[in-house]
C-alpha atoms as a PDB file:
ATOM      1  CA  MET A   1     102.975 104.647  67.854  1.00  0.00           C
ATOM      2  CA  SER A   2     105.711 101.941  68.904  1.00  0.00           C
ATOM      3  CA  SER A   3     104.567  99.445  71.980  1.00  0.00           C
ATOM      4  CA  ASN A   4     106.293 100.503  74.994  1.00  0.00           C
ATOM      5  CA  SER A   5     106.906  98.476  77.991  1.00  0.00           C
ATOM      6  CA  ILE A   6     107.230  98.618  81.795  1.00  0.00           C
ATOM      7  CA  LYS A   7     110.222  99.737  83.306  1.00  0.00           C
ATOM      8  CA  ILE A   8     110.059  99.883  87.449  1.00  0.00           C
ATOM      9  CA  PHE A   9     113.288 101.689  89.209  1.00  0.00           C
ATOM     10  CA  SER A  10     113.734 101.174  93.437  1.00  0.00           C
ATOM     11  CA  GLY A  11     115.020 104.100  95.383  1.00  0.00           C
ATOM     12  CA  ASN A  12     117.052 103.339  98.232  1.00  0.00           C
ATOM     13  CA  SER A  13     113.991 103.708 100.904  1.00  0.00           C
ATOM     14  CA  HIS A  14     112.361 100.256 100.214  1.00  0.00           C
ATOM     15  CA  ILE A  15     113.368  97.745  98.171  1.00  0.00           C
ATOM     16  CA  GLU A  16     112.372  95.259  98.875  1.00  0.00           C
ATOM     17  CA  LEU A  17     108.891  96.162  98.358  1.00  0.00           C
ATOM     18  CA  ALA A  18     109.788  97.285  95.182  1.00  0.00           C
ATOM     19  CA  ARG A  19     111.183  93.903  94.196  1.00  0.00           C
ATOM     20  CA  LEU A  20     107.415  92.704  95.690  1.00  0.00           C
ATOM     21  CA  VAL A  21     106.077  94.825  93.160  1.00  0.00           C
ATOM     22  CA  ALA A  22     108.233  94.149  90.354  1.00  0.00           C
ATOM     23  CA  LYS A  23     107.918  89.780  90.729  1.00  0.00           C
ATOM     24  CA  ARG A  24     104.189  90.446  90.801  1.00  0.00           C
ATOM     25  CA  ILE A  25     104.115  91.906  87.736  1.00  0.00           C
ATOM     26  CA  GLY A  26     106.837  89.337  86.050  1.00  0.00           C
ATOM     27  CA  ASN A  27     109.501  92.032  85.996  1.00  0.00           C
ATOM     28  CA  GLU A  28     112.847  92.689  87.209  1.00  0.00           C
ATOM     29  CA  LEU A  29     114.355  95.780  88.614  1.00  0.00           C
ATOM     30  CA  SER A  30     115.658  98.074  85.927  1.00  0.00           C
ATOM     31  CA  ARG A  31     118.693  98.762  86.594  1.00  0.00           C
ATOM     32  CA  VAL A  32     119.910 101.458  88.331  1.00  0.00           C
ATOM     33  CA  THR A  33     123.047 102.975  90.411  1.00  0.00           C
ATOM     34  CA  VAL A  34     121.854 105.596  93.713  1.00  0.00           C
ATOM     35  CA  LEU A  35     124.757 106.528  95.728  1.00  0.00           C
ATOM     36  CA  LYS A  36     125.970 109.868  97.612  1.00  0.00           C
ATOM     37  CA  TYR A  37     129.100 111.694  97.496  1.00  0.00           C
ATOM     38  CA  SER A  38     131.719 112.280 100.224  1.00  0.00           C
ATOM     39  CA  ASN A  39     130.167 115.707 100.002  1.00  0.00           C
ATOM     40  CA  GLN A  40     126.464 114.217 100.252  1.00  0.00           C
ATOM     41  CA  GLU A  41     125.387 115.079  96.967  1.00  0.00           C
ATOM     42  CA  THR A  42     123.108 112.302  95.776  1.00  0.00           C
ATOM     43  CA  SER A  43     124.248 110.394  92.076  1.00  0.00           C
ATOM     44  CA  VAL A  44     121.544 108.750  90.150  1.00  0.00           C
ATOM     45  CA  ASN A  45     123.069 106.308  87.181  1.00  0.00           C
ATOM     46  CA  ILE A  46     120.487 105.185  84.908  1.00  0.00           C
ATOM     47  CA  GLY A  47     121.494 101.667  83.887  1.00  0.00           C
ATOM     48  CA  GLU A  48     119.403 100.707  80.933  1.00  0.00           C
ATOM     49  CA  SER A  49     117.877 102.570  78.242  1.00  0.00           C
ATOM     50  CA  VAL A  50     114.482 104.002  79.088  1.00  0.00           C
ATOM     51  CA  ARG A  51     113.379 105.751  75.371  1.00  0.00           C
ATOM     52  CA  ASP A  52     109.841 105.738  74.834  1.00  0.00           C
ATOM     53  CA  GLU A  53     109.023 103.331  77.599  1.00  0.00           C
ATOM     54  CA  ASP A  54     106.568 103.772  80.049  1.00  0.00           C
ATOM     55  CA  VAL A  55     108.738 104.023  83.682  1.00  0.00           C
ATOM     56  CA  PHE A  56     107.338 103.714  87.514  1.00  0.00           C
ATOM     57  CA  VAL A  57     109.975 104.602  90.009  1.00  0.00           C
ATOM     58  CA  ILE A  58     109.072 103.450  93.618  1.00  0.00           C
ATOM     59  CA  GLN A  59     110.293 105.327  96.543  1.00  0.00           C
ATOM     60  CA  SER A  60     108.696 105.664  99.936  1.00  0.00           C
ATOM     61  CA  GLY A  61     108.550 108.598 102.213  1.00  0.00           C
ATOM     62  CA  CYS A  62     110.394 107.127 104.801  1.00  0.00           C
ATOM     63  CA  GLY A  63     113.790 106.555 106.743  1.00  0.00           C
ATOM     64  CA  GLN A  64     115.942 109.589 105.780  1.00  0.00           C
ATOM     65  CA  ILE A  65     112.639 110.993 104.219  1.00  0.00           C
ATOM     66  CA  ASN A  66     114.948 114.113 103.115  1.00  0.00           C
ATOM     67  CA  ASP A  67     117.538 112.282 101.286  1.00  0.00           C
ATOM     68  CA  ASN A  68     115.027 110.076 100.221  1.00  0.00           C
ATOM     69  CA  ILE A  69     113.164 112.164  98.382  1.00  0.00           C
ATOM     70  CA  MET A  70     116.034 113.963  96.450  1.00  0.00           C
ATOM     71  CA  GLU A  71     116.840 110.257  95.070  1.00  0.00           C
ATOM     72  CA  LEU A  72     113.006 110.075  93.941  1.00  0.00           C
ATOM     73  CA  LEU A  73     113.367 113.900  92.377  1.00  0.00           C
ATOM     74  CA  ILE A  74     116.816 112.990  90.385  1.00  0.00           C
ATOM     75  CA  MET A  75     115.742 109.596  89.441  1.00  0.00           C
ATOM     76  CA  ILE A  76     112.418 111.244  87.777  1.00  0.00           C
ATOM     77  CA  ASN A  77     114.276 113.772  86.190  1.00  0.00           C
ATOM     78  CA  ALA A  78     117.021 111.222  84.992  1.00  0.00           C
ATOM     79  CA  CYS A  79     114.018 108.991  83.175  1.00  0.00           C
ATOM     80  CA  LYS A  80     112.478 112.220  82.282  1.00  0.00           C
ATOM     81  CA  THR A  81     115.577 113.546  80.621  1.00  0.00           C
ATOM     82  CA  ALA A  82     116.207 110.336  78.782  1.00  0.00           C
ATOM     83  CA  SER A  83     113.238 110.404  76.757  1.00  0.00           C
ATOM     84  CA  ALA A  84     111.017 108.089  78.971  1.00  0.00           C
ATOM     85  CA  ARG A  85     107.351 108.552  77.496  1.00  0.00           C
ATOM     86  CA  ARG A  86     105.862 108.515  80.845  1.00  0.00           C
ATOM     87  CA  VAL A  87     107.247 108.858  84.238  1.00  0.00           C
ATOM     88  CA  THR A  88     104.920 107.612  87.446  1.00  0.00           C
ATOM     89  CA  ALA A  89     105.876 108.506  90.877  1.00  0.00           C
ATOM     90  CA  VAL A  90     104.805 105.200  92.670  1.00  0.00           C
ATOM     91  CA  ILE A  91     104.993 106.581  96.726  1.00  0.00           C
ATOM     92  CA  PRO A  92     103.543 104.135  99.020  1.00  0.00           C
ATOM     93  CA  CYS A  93     103.632 106.564 101.930  1.00  0.00           C
ATOM     94  CA  PHE A  94     103.456 109.887 100.874  1.00  0.00           C
ATOM     95  CA  PRO A  95     106.402 112.289 103.021  1.00  0.00           C
ATOM     96  CA  TYR A  96     105.041 115.359 104.471  1.00  0.00           C
ATOM     97  CA  ALA A  97     101.514 114.384 104.355  1.00  0.00           C
ATOM     98  CA  ARG A  98     100.578 115.639 107.828  1.00  0.00           C
ATOM     99  CA  GLN A  99     101.655 119.182 106.887  1.00  0.00           C
ATOM    100  CA  ASP A 100      98.688 119.535 104.389  1.00  0.00           C
ATOM    101  CA  LYS A 101      96.917 122.978 105.796  1.00  0.00           C
ATOM    102  CA  LYS A 102      98.231 126.478 107.601  1.00  0.00           C
ATOM    103  CA  ASP A 103      96.366 125.513 111.040  1.00  0.00           C
ATOM    104  CA  LYS A 104      98.588 128.339 112.695  1.00  0.00           C
ATOM    105  CA  SER A 105     100.321 131.683 111.956  1.00  0.00           C
ATOM    106  CA  ARG A 106     102.997 131.259 109.399  1.00  0.00           C
ATOM    107  CA  ALA A 107     103.275 127.700 109.070  1.00  0.00           C
ATOM    108  CA  PRO A 108     104.129 126.191 105.564  1.00  0.00           C
ATOM    109  CA  ILE A 109     101.752 123.796 103.789  1.00  0.00           C
ATOM    110  CA  SER A 110     104.976 121.342 102.929  1.00  0.00           C
ATOM    111  CA  ALA A 111     102.477 118.879 101.339  1.00  0.00           C
ATOM    112  CA  LYS A 112     102.112 121.241  98.495  1.00  0.00           C
ATOM    113  CA  LEU A 113     105.862 121.832  98.340  1.00  0.00           C
ATOM    114  CA  ILE A 114     106.723 118.233  97.697  1.00  0.00           C
ATOM    115  CA  ALA A 115     103.625 117.992  95.131  1.00  0.00           C
ATOM    116  CA  ASN A 116     104.944 121.071  93.290  1.00  0.00           C
ATOM    117  CA  ILE A 117     108.657 119.875  93.260  1.00  0.00           C
ATOM    118  CA  LEU A 118     107.559 116.107  92.146  1.00  0.00           C
ATOM    119  CA  THR A 119     105.673 118.061  88.965  1.00  0.00           C
ATOM    120  CA  VAL A 120     108.771 120.119  88.381  1.00  0.00           C
ATOM    121  CA  ALA A 121     111.018 117.472  88.240  1.00  0.00           C
ATOM    122  CA  GLY A 122     108.809 115.627  85.124  1.00  0.00           C
ATOM    123  CA  ALA A 123     106.091 113.280  86.955  1.00  0.00           C
ATOM    124  CA  ASP A 124     103.336 112.789  85.024  1.00  0.00           C
ATOM    125  CA  HIS A 125     101.583 110.722  87.436  1.00  0.00           C
ATOM    126  CA  VAL A 126     101.704 109.989  91.025  1.00  0.00           C
ATOM    127  CA  ILE A 127     100.712 106.436  92.888  1.00  0.00           C
ATOM    128  CA  THR A 128     100.456 106.437  96.583  1.00  0.00           C
ATOM    129  CA  ILE A 129      98.364 104.648  99.378  1.00  0.00           C
ATOM    130  CA  ASP A 130      96.035 106.176 102.033  1.00  0.00           C
ATOM    131  CA  LEU A 131      97.142 109.857 101.588  1.00  0.00           C
ATOM    132  CA  HIS A 132      96.724 111.344 104.909  1.00  0.00           C
ATOM    133  CA  ALA A 133      94.217 113.912 104.025  1.00  0.00           C
ATOM    134  CA  SER A 134      93.072 112.810 100.551  1.00  0.00           C
ATOM    135  CA  GLN A 135      92.720 116.667  99.650  1.00  0.00           C
ATOM    136  CA  ILE A 136      96.404 116.487  99.207  1.00  0.00           C
ATOM    137  CA  GLN A 137      95.356 114.822  95.693  1.00  0.00           C
ATOM    138  CA  GLY A 138      94.146 118.648  94.772  1.00  0.00           C
ATOM    139  CA  PHE A 139      97.530 120.134  95.149  1.00  0.00           C
ATOM    140  CA  PHE A 140      98.587 118.519  92.059  1.00  0.00           C
ATOM    141  CA  ASN A 141      98.109 119.318  88.398  1.00  0.00           C
ATOM    142  CA  VAL A 142      98.856 115.835  86.882  1.00  0.00           C
ATOM    143  CA  PRO A 143      96.871 112.667  87.898  1.00  0.00           C
ATOM    144  CA  VAL A 144      96.976 110.625  91.133  1.00  0.00           C
ATOM    145  CA  ASP A 145      95.649 107.585  91.765  1.00  0.00           C
ATOM    146  CA  ASN A 146      95.361 107.396  96.005  1.00  0.00           C
ATOM    147  CA  LEU A 147      95.347 103.506  96.739  1.00  0.00           C
ATOM    148  CA  TYR A 148      93.108 102.338 100.134  1.00  0.00           C
ATOM    149  CA  CYS A 149      94.179  99.910 102.474  1.00  0.00           C
ATOM    150  CA  GLU A 150      90.695  98.990 103.576  1.00  0.00           C
ATOM    151  CA  PRO A 151      90.338  95.793 101.188  1.00  0.00           C
ATOM    152  CA  ALA A 152      93.807  93.993 102.599  1.00  0.00           C
ATOM    153  CA  MET A 153      92.383  95.478 106.639  1.00  0.00           C
ATOM    154  CA  LEU A 154      88.955  94.009 105.646  1.00  0.00           C
ATOM    155  CA  SER A 155      90.613  90.770 104.712  1.00  0.00           C
ATOM    156  CA  TYR A 156      92.804  90.731 107.554  1.00  0.00           C
ATOM    157  CA  ILE A 157      89.914  91.015 109.926  1.00  0.00           C
ATOM    158  CA  LYS A 158      88.284  88.298 109.011  1.00  0.00           C
ATOM    159  CA  ILE A 159      91.137  85.771 108.033  1.00  0.00           C
ATOM    160  CA  ASN A 160      93.137  87.170 111.565  1.00  0.00           C
ATOM    161  CA  ILE A 161      91.270  88.190 114.241  1.00  0.00           C
ATOM    162  CA  PRO A 162      89.136  85.316 116.255  1.00  0.00           C
ATOM    163  CA  ASP A 163      85.291  85.979 117.213  1.00  0.00           C
ATOM    164  CA  TRP A 164      85.599  89.077 114.994  1.00  0.00           C
ATOM    165  CA  LYS A 165      82.358  89.337 114.672  1.00  0.00           C
ATOM    166  CA  ASN A 166      81.956  90.392 118.239  1.00  0.00           C
ATOM    167  CA  SER A 167      84.208  93.359 117.408  1.00  0.00           C
ATOM    168  CA  ILE A 168      83.899  97.058 117.351  1.00  0.00           C
ATOM    169  CA  ILE A 169      85.489  99.469 115.097  1.00  0.00           C
ATOM    170  CA  VAL A 170      87.289 102.309 116.762  1.00  0.00           C
ATOM    171  CA  SER A 171      88.711 105.858 115.920  1.00  0.00           C
ATOM    172  CA  PRO A 172      91.505 106.913 117.587  1.00  0.00           C
ATOM    173  CA  ASP A 173      90.369 110.556 116.400  1.00  0.00           C
ATOM    174  CA  ALA A 174      88.015 112.642 114.809  1.00  0.00           C
ATOM    175  CA  GLY A 175      90.069 112.491 111.707  1.00  0.00           C
ATOM    176  CA  GLY A 176      89.713 109.255 110.961  1.00  0.00           C
ATOM    177  CA  ALA A 177      86.372 108.647 111.927  1.00  0.00           C
ATOM    178  CA  LYS A 178      85.308 108.557 107.956  1.00  0.00           C
ATOM    179  CA  ARG A 179      87.774 105.761 107.576  1.00  0.00           C
ATOM    180  CA  ALA A 180      86.674 103.962 110.399  1.00  0.00           C
ATOM    181  CA  THR A 181      82.654 104.105 109.537  1.00  0.00           C
ATOM    182  CA  SER A 182      83.642 102.791 106.312  1.00  0.00           C
ATOM    183  CA  ILE A 183      85.263  99.595 107.769  1.00  0.00           C
ATOM    184  CA  ALA A 184      82.937  99.673 110.389  1.00  0.00           C
ATOM    185  CA  ASP A 185      79.892  99.216 107.578  1.00  0.00           C
ATOM    186  CA  ARG A 186      81.427  96.859 104.827  1.00  0.00           C
ATOM    187  CA  LEU A 187      82.049  94.541 108.314  1.00  0.00           C
ATOM    188  CA  ASN A 188      78.602  95.377 109.850  1.00  0.00           C
ATOM    189  CA  LEU A 189      79.897  95.834 112.547  1.00  0.00           C
ATOM    190  CA  ASP A 190      79.352  99.045 115.181  1.00  0.00           C
ATOM    191  CA  PHE A 191      81.480 102.179 115.291  1.00  0.00           C
ATOM    192  CA  ALA A 192      83.113 103.922 118.319  1.00  0.00           C
ATOM    193  CA  LEU A 193      85.527 107.342 118.513  1.00  0.00           C
ATOM    194  CA  ILE A 194      88.155 108.643 120.880  1.00  0.00           C
ATOM    195  CA  HIS A 195      88.406 112.348 121.404  1.00  0.00           C
ATOM    196  CA  LYS A 196      91.524 112.968 122.267  1.00  0.00           C
ATOM    197  CA  GLU A 197      93.041 116.510 123.765  1.00  0.00           C
ATOM    198  CA  ARG A 198      96.329 117.722 122.583  1.00  0.00           C
ATOM    199  CA  LYS A 199      98.387 120.096 124.314  1.00  0.00           C
ATOM    200  CA  LYS A 200     101.301 120.406 122.105  1.00  0.00           C
ATOM    201  CA  ALA A 201     102.220 118.047 119.366  1.00  0.00           C
ATOM    202  CA  ASN A 202     102.486 114.429 119.408  1.00  0.00           C
ATOM    203  CA  GLU A 203     101.981 114.688 122.936  1.00  0.00           C
ATOM    204  CA  VAL A 204      98.095 113.726 124.158  1.00  0.00           C
ATOM    205  CA  SER A 205      96.669 115.197 127.095  1.00  0.00           C
ATOM    206  CA  ARG A 206      93.333 113.495 127.876  1.00  0.00           C
ATOM    207  CA  MET A 207      90.909 110.837 125.990  1.00  0.00           C
ATOM    208  CA  VAL A 208      87.904 110.757 125.817  1.00  0.00           C
ATOM    209  CA  LEU A 209      85.473 107.209 124.712  1.00  0.00           C
ATOM    210  CA  VAL A 210      82.286 107.846 122.709  1.00  0.00           C
ATOM    211  CA  GLY A 211      80.132 105.195 122.461  1.00  0.00           C
ATOM    212  CA  ASP A 212      80.286 101.523 123.761  1.00  0.00           C
ATOM    213  CA  VAL A 213      82.499  98.587 123.836  1.00  0.00           C
ATOM    214  CA  ILE A 214      81.817  96.569 127.604  1.00  0.00           C
ATOM    215  CA  GLY A 215      82.523  93.064 126.065  1.00  0.00           C
ATOM    216  CA  LYS A 216      83.792  93.853 122.890  1.00  0.00           C
ATOM    217  CA  ILE A 217      86.893  93.192 120.977  1.00  0.00           C
ATOM    218  CA  ALA A 218      87.770  96.798 119.913  1.00  0.00           C
ATOM    219  CA  ILE A 219      89.864  97.445 116.776  1.00  0.00           C
ATOM    220  CA  LEU A 220      91.786 100.928 116.218  1.00  0.00           C
ATOM    221  CA  VAL A 221      91.783 101.975 113.106  1.00  0.00           C
ATOM    222  CA  ASP A 222      94.174 104.863 111.693  1.00  0.00           C
ATOM    223  CA  ASP A 223      95.901 105.940 108.885  1.00  0.00           C
ATOM    224  CA  MET A 224      99.557 106.230 110.339  1.00  0.00           C
ATOM    225  CA  ALA A 225     101.493 104.837 113.365  1.00  0.00           C
ATOM    226  CA  ASP A 226     104.651 106.995 114.536  1.00  0.00           C
ATOM    227  CA  THR A 227     105.615 107.450 118.067  1.00  0.00           C
ATOM    228  CA  CYS A 228     102.735 105.010 119.017  1.00  0.00           C
ATOM    229  CA  GLY A 229     101.806 106.924 121.990  1.00  0.00           C
ATOM    230  CA  THR A 230      98.279 107.797 120.748  1.00  0.00           C
ATOM    231  CA  LEU A 231      97.516 103.552 120.337  1.00  0.00           C
ATOM    232  CA  LYS A 232      98.707 103.498 123.872  1.00  0.00           C
ATOM    233  CA  MET A 233      96.796 105.948 125.545  1.00  0.00           C
ATOM    234  CA  ALA A 234      93.344 104.605 123.019  1.00  0.00           C
ATOM    235  CA  ALA A 235      94.246 100.983 124.645  1.00  0.00           C
ATOM    236  CA  GLU A 236      94.078 101.804 127.927  1.00  0.00           C
ATOM    237  CA  THR A 237      91.574 103.759 127.486  1.00  0.00           C
ATOM    238  CA  LEU A 238      89.306 101.042 126.087  1.00  0.00           C
ATOM    239  CA  ILE A 239      90.729  97.709 128.093  1.00  0.00           C
ATOM    240  CA  ASP A 240      89.472 101.111 130.916  1.00  0.00           C
ATOM    241  CA  ASN A 241      85.644 100.944 129.142  1.00  0.00           C
ATOM    242  CA  GLY A 242      85.170  97.279 129.057  1.00  0.00           C
ATOM    243  CA  ALA A 243      86.945  96.197 125.938  1.00  0.00           C
ATOM    244  CA  ILE A 244      88.101  91.878 125.937  1.00  0.00           C
ATOM    245  CA  LYS A 245      91.231  93.066 123.740  1.00  0.00           C
ATOM    246  CA  VAL A 246      92.341  95.423 121.385  1.00  0.00           C
ATOM    247  CA  TYR A 247      93.980  95.580 118.094  1.00  0.00           C
ATOM    248  CA  ALA A 248      95.489  98.090 115.959  1.00  0.00           C
ATOM    249  CA  ILE A 249      95.192  98.074 112.173  1.00  0.00           C
ATOM    250  CA  VAL A 250      97.490 101.160 110.483  1.00  0.00           C
ATOM    251  CA  ALA A 251      97.963 101.630 107.282  1.00  0.00           C
ATOM    252  CA  HIS A 252     101.577 103.153 107.785  1.00  0.00           C
ATOM    253  CA  GLY A 253     103.634 102.200 110.091  1.00  0.00           C
ATOM    254  CA  ILE A 254     106.653 104.750 110.778  1.00  0.00           C
ATOM    255  CA  LEU A 255     107.300 103.295 114.307  1.00  0.00           C
ATOM    256  CA  SER A 256     109.911 106.226 114.836  1.00  0.00           C
ATOM    257  CA  GLY A 257     111.396 106.888 118.360  1.00  0.00           C
ATOM    258  CA  ASN A 258     110.857 104.561 121.263  1.00  0.00           C
ATOM    259  CA  ALA A 259     107.531 103.274 119.331  1.00  0.00           C
ATOM    260  CA  ILE A 260     108.367  99.957 119.548  1.00  0.00           C
ATOM    261  CA  ASP A 261     108.994  99.844 123.234  1.00  0.00           C
ATOM    262  CA  VAL A 262     105.491 102.027 123.533  1.00  0.00           C
ATOM    263  CA  ILE A 263     103.994  98.691 122.234  1.00  0.00           C
ATOM    264  CA  ASN A 264     105.119  95.977 123.572  1.00  0.00           C
ATOM    265  CA  ASP A 265     104.364  98.072 127.184  1.00  0.00           C
ATOM    266  CA  SER A 266     100.892  98.736 125.876  1.00  0.00           C
ATOM    267  CA  TYR A 267      97.832  96.870 125.927  1.00  0.00           C
ATOM    268  CA  LEU A 268      97.527  96.247 122.069  1.00  0.00           C
ATOM    269  CA  GLU A 269      97.008  92.518 121.563  1.00  0.00           C
ATOM    270  CA  LYS A 270      98.567  93.093 117.948  1.00  0.00           C
ATOM    271  CA  LEU A 271      99.294  96.150 115.770  1.00  0.00           C
ATOM    272  CA  VAL A 272      99.107  95.148 112.074  1.00  0.00           C
ATOM    273  CA  VAL A 273     100.450  98.070 109.674  1.00  0.00           C
ATOM    274  CA  THR A 274     100.935  97.111 105.875  1.00  0.00           C
ATOM    275  CA  ASN A 275     104.716  97.358 104.382  1.00  0.00           C
ATOM    276  CA  THR A 276     104.753 100.886 102.953  1.00  0.00           C
ATOM    277  CA  VAL A 277     107.246 101.505 105.081  1.00  0.00           C
ATOM    278  CA  PRO A 278     110.042  98.956 106.032  1.00  0.00           C
ATOM    279  CA  HIS A 279     109.707  97.511 109.352  1.00  0.00           C
ATOM    280  CA  ASP A 280     111.010  93.457 109.400  1.00  0.00           C
ATOM    281  CA  ASP A 281     114.026  94.808 111.737  1.00  0.00           C
ATOM    282  CA  LYS A 282     110.997  95.831 113.952  1.00  0.00           C
ATOM    283  CA  LYS A 283     109.477  92.943 114.367  1.00  0.00           C
ATOM    284  CA  HIS A 284     112.343  91.253 115.491  1.00  0.00           C
ATOM    285  CA  ILE A 285     112.348  92.853 118.713  1.00  0.00           C
ATOM    286  CA  CYS A 286     108.239  93.052 118.757  1.00  0.00           C
ATOM    287  CA  SER A 287     106.096  90.483 118.533  1.00  0.00           C
ATOM    288  CA  LYS A 288     102.703  92.110 118.583  1.00  0.00           C
ATOM    289  CA  LEU A 289     103.981  93.608 115.128  1.00  0.00           C
ATOM    290  CA  ASP A 290     102.381  92.015 112.167  1.00  0.00           C
ATOM    291  CA  THR A 291     102.566  93.049 108.420  1.00  0.00           C
ATOM    292  CA  ILE A 292      99.702  93.181 105.999  1.00  0.00           C
ATOM    293  CA  ASP A 293     101.552  92.732 101.826  1.00  0.00           C
ATOM    294  CA  ILE A 294     100.157  95.858  99.922  1.00  0.00           C
ATOM    295  CA  SER A 295     102.655  94.485  97.190  1.00  0.00           C
ATOM    296  CA  SER A 296      99.487  93.107  95.257  1.00  0.00           C
ATOM    297  CA  THR A 297      97.446  96.305  95.373  1.00  0.00           C
ATOM    298  CA  LEU A 298     100.700  98.666  93.821  1.00  0.00           C
ATOM    299  CA  ALA A 299     101.025  95.549  91.275  1.00  0.00           C
ATOM    300  CA  GLU A 300      97.964  95.925  89.753  1.00  0.00           C
ATOM    301  CA  ALA A 301      97.491  99.500  89.786  1.00  0.00           C
ATOM    302  CA  ILE A 302     100.951 100.180  87.785  1.00  0.00           C
ATOM    303  CA  ARG A 303      99.407  96.820  85.425  1.00  0.00           C
ATOM    304  CA  ARG A 304      95.919  99.338  85.100  1.00  0.00           C
ATOM    305  CA  ASN A 305      98.153 102.249  84.660  1.00  0.00           C
ATOM    306  CA  HIS A 306     100.189 100.781  81.731  1.00  0.00           C
ATOM    307  CA  ASN A 307      97.268  98.887  79.961  1.00  0.00           C
ATOM    308  CA  GLY A 308      94.885 102.327  80.330  1.00  0.00           C
ATOM    309  CA  GLU A 309      92.576 100.578  82.412  1.00  0.00           C
ATOM    310  CA  SER A 310      90.778 101.739  85.463  1.00  0.00           C
ATOM    311  CA  VAL A 311      91.786 101.270  88.614  1.00  0.00           C
ATOM    312  CA  SER A 312      88.619 102.175  90.341  1.00  0.00           C
ATOM    313  CA  LEU A 313      88.344  98.432  91.322  1.00  0.00           C
ATOM    314  CA  LEU A 314      91.441  98.648  93.747  1.00  0.00           C
ATOM    315  CA  PHE A 315      89.450 101.424  95.542  1.00  0.00           C
ATOM    316  CA  HIS A 316      86.534  99.153  96.946  1.00  0.00           C
ATOM    317  CA  ASP A 317      87.065  95.180  96.342  1.00  0.00           C
ATOM    318  CA  ALA A 318      88.994  92.898  98.488  1.00  0.00           C
ATOM    319  CA  ASP A 319      88.903  89.044  98.439  1.00  0.00           C
ATOM    320  CA  ASP A 320      86.134  87.693 101.110  1.00  0.00           C
ATOM    321  CA  PRO A 321      87.404  84.935 102.475  1.00  0.00           C
ATOM    322  CA  GLU A 322      83.943  83.833 103.512  1.00  0.00           C
END
């Protein structure tokens, strides 16, 4: 079998991240034209040969999500029908991940639908980061690498938060307890939990703190910051209970609606997000926003997958600045 090379294509959702990933691998982004016709149909033209190549298509689930999903599906299918040896969908922020279970009568499990259509389009493999529910991996009949932001978060805390050893790791809800306790254990810090009661989706009615944060720097850890209402209320709850400062570190900074106004008006010292979702425009109007670059994690995952090496190292190891 002839040796094949890595071809990296990017959709329109997050071209800057795709460029960073390609640069770290030592490649240029492969040529592709993705545009919309006047009737809103998506058109894709792969600009170079992919026959017998190892193709990676990078597209994040953000912005115009449904348009971006169609771009991804058509690009995967175009590469597959152009005789690519393998096509991997690299989806830093997985779309519809919060619709992962039937939590009420007649509710769809949309994350399963996304898994199905990716497979039907021709994806042989999926690489993603910090799934909202890791069980989503089971929706696929192809291999899924669910990478974690945890190593990058640990490094950020040690380097950028003064007096971090006087911190306490806080989960803003019960669902994120496992993530927060894992980080607390790695840093040898205490852990606290906020119990929140919702009256309806995206609206929290009451918060109760479980744990002691008096005189501590509270570090909120979550997988997603959308409208940021939860983080604002959590920061207020922590300050009211005696915390000195409150930081928030989140994997996916979706920051929809008036999220930036909510952050600017909150007690948060910093909201730290990874660049799985583009937000450079928002940093100009929010000095509290900080970014962790995860392109190195994605690049290493792509390199290891291409070479047939284990990616388990990426789940746990972080460069220790100490």
